[in-house]
């Protein structure tokens, strides 16, 4: 009888410990994973400085930092303007890829066409990561970006 009583007490103690550990882990994990990016997104001085570096100087490091801040803080649509400027003004391949990622999320036909244009432009500038996707979209050969853009007007 003593053994059953002792096992019961140990079991209750173990359950209490497990509950306390779960409460502690909830306290530690209370912040969402993207909270530091949201904080950066809300830091207007930092954001404006990075925007200026991207728009005026074509700073690729600032572009990447802004991209992650906007994408992870779930503001990717707001980043499309800056990404498009970086892509078109500085002919920056990762910006075309970013445009594709943002535009491809839309269900509108016009946005999907722009997404495909950006995907082709990224490919033309050396990104071979999406060649399978392009071959699937264009089984008769990948068109050039200008032809793709003109045909979708």
Foldseek 3Di string as FASTA:
>chain_A
DVVVVVVVVVVVVVVVVVVVVVVVVCVVPVDDPLVVLVVCVPPVVNLVVLLCCCQVVVDPVSLVSVCCSCVSNVNLVVCLVSLVNSCVVVVDLVSLVSLLVVLVVDPDPLSNLSSLLSVLSSVVVPDPPCVVVQCVVPVPDRDHSVVSVVVSD
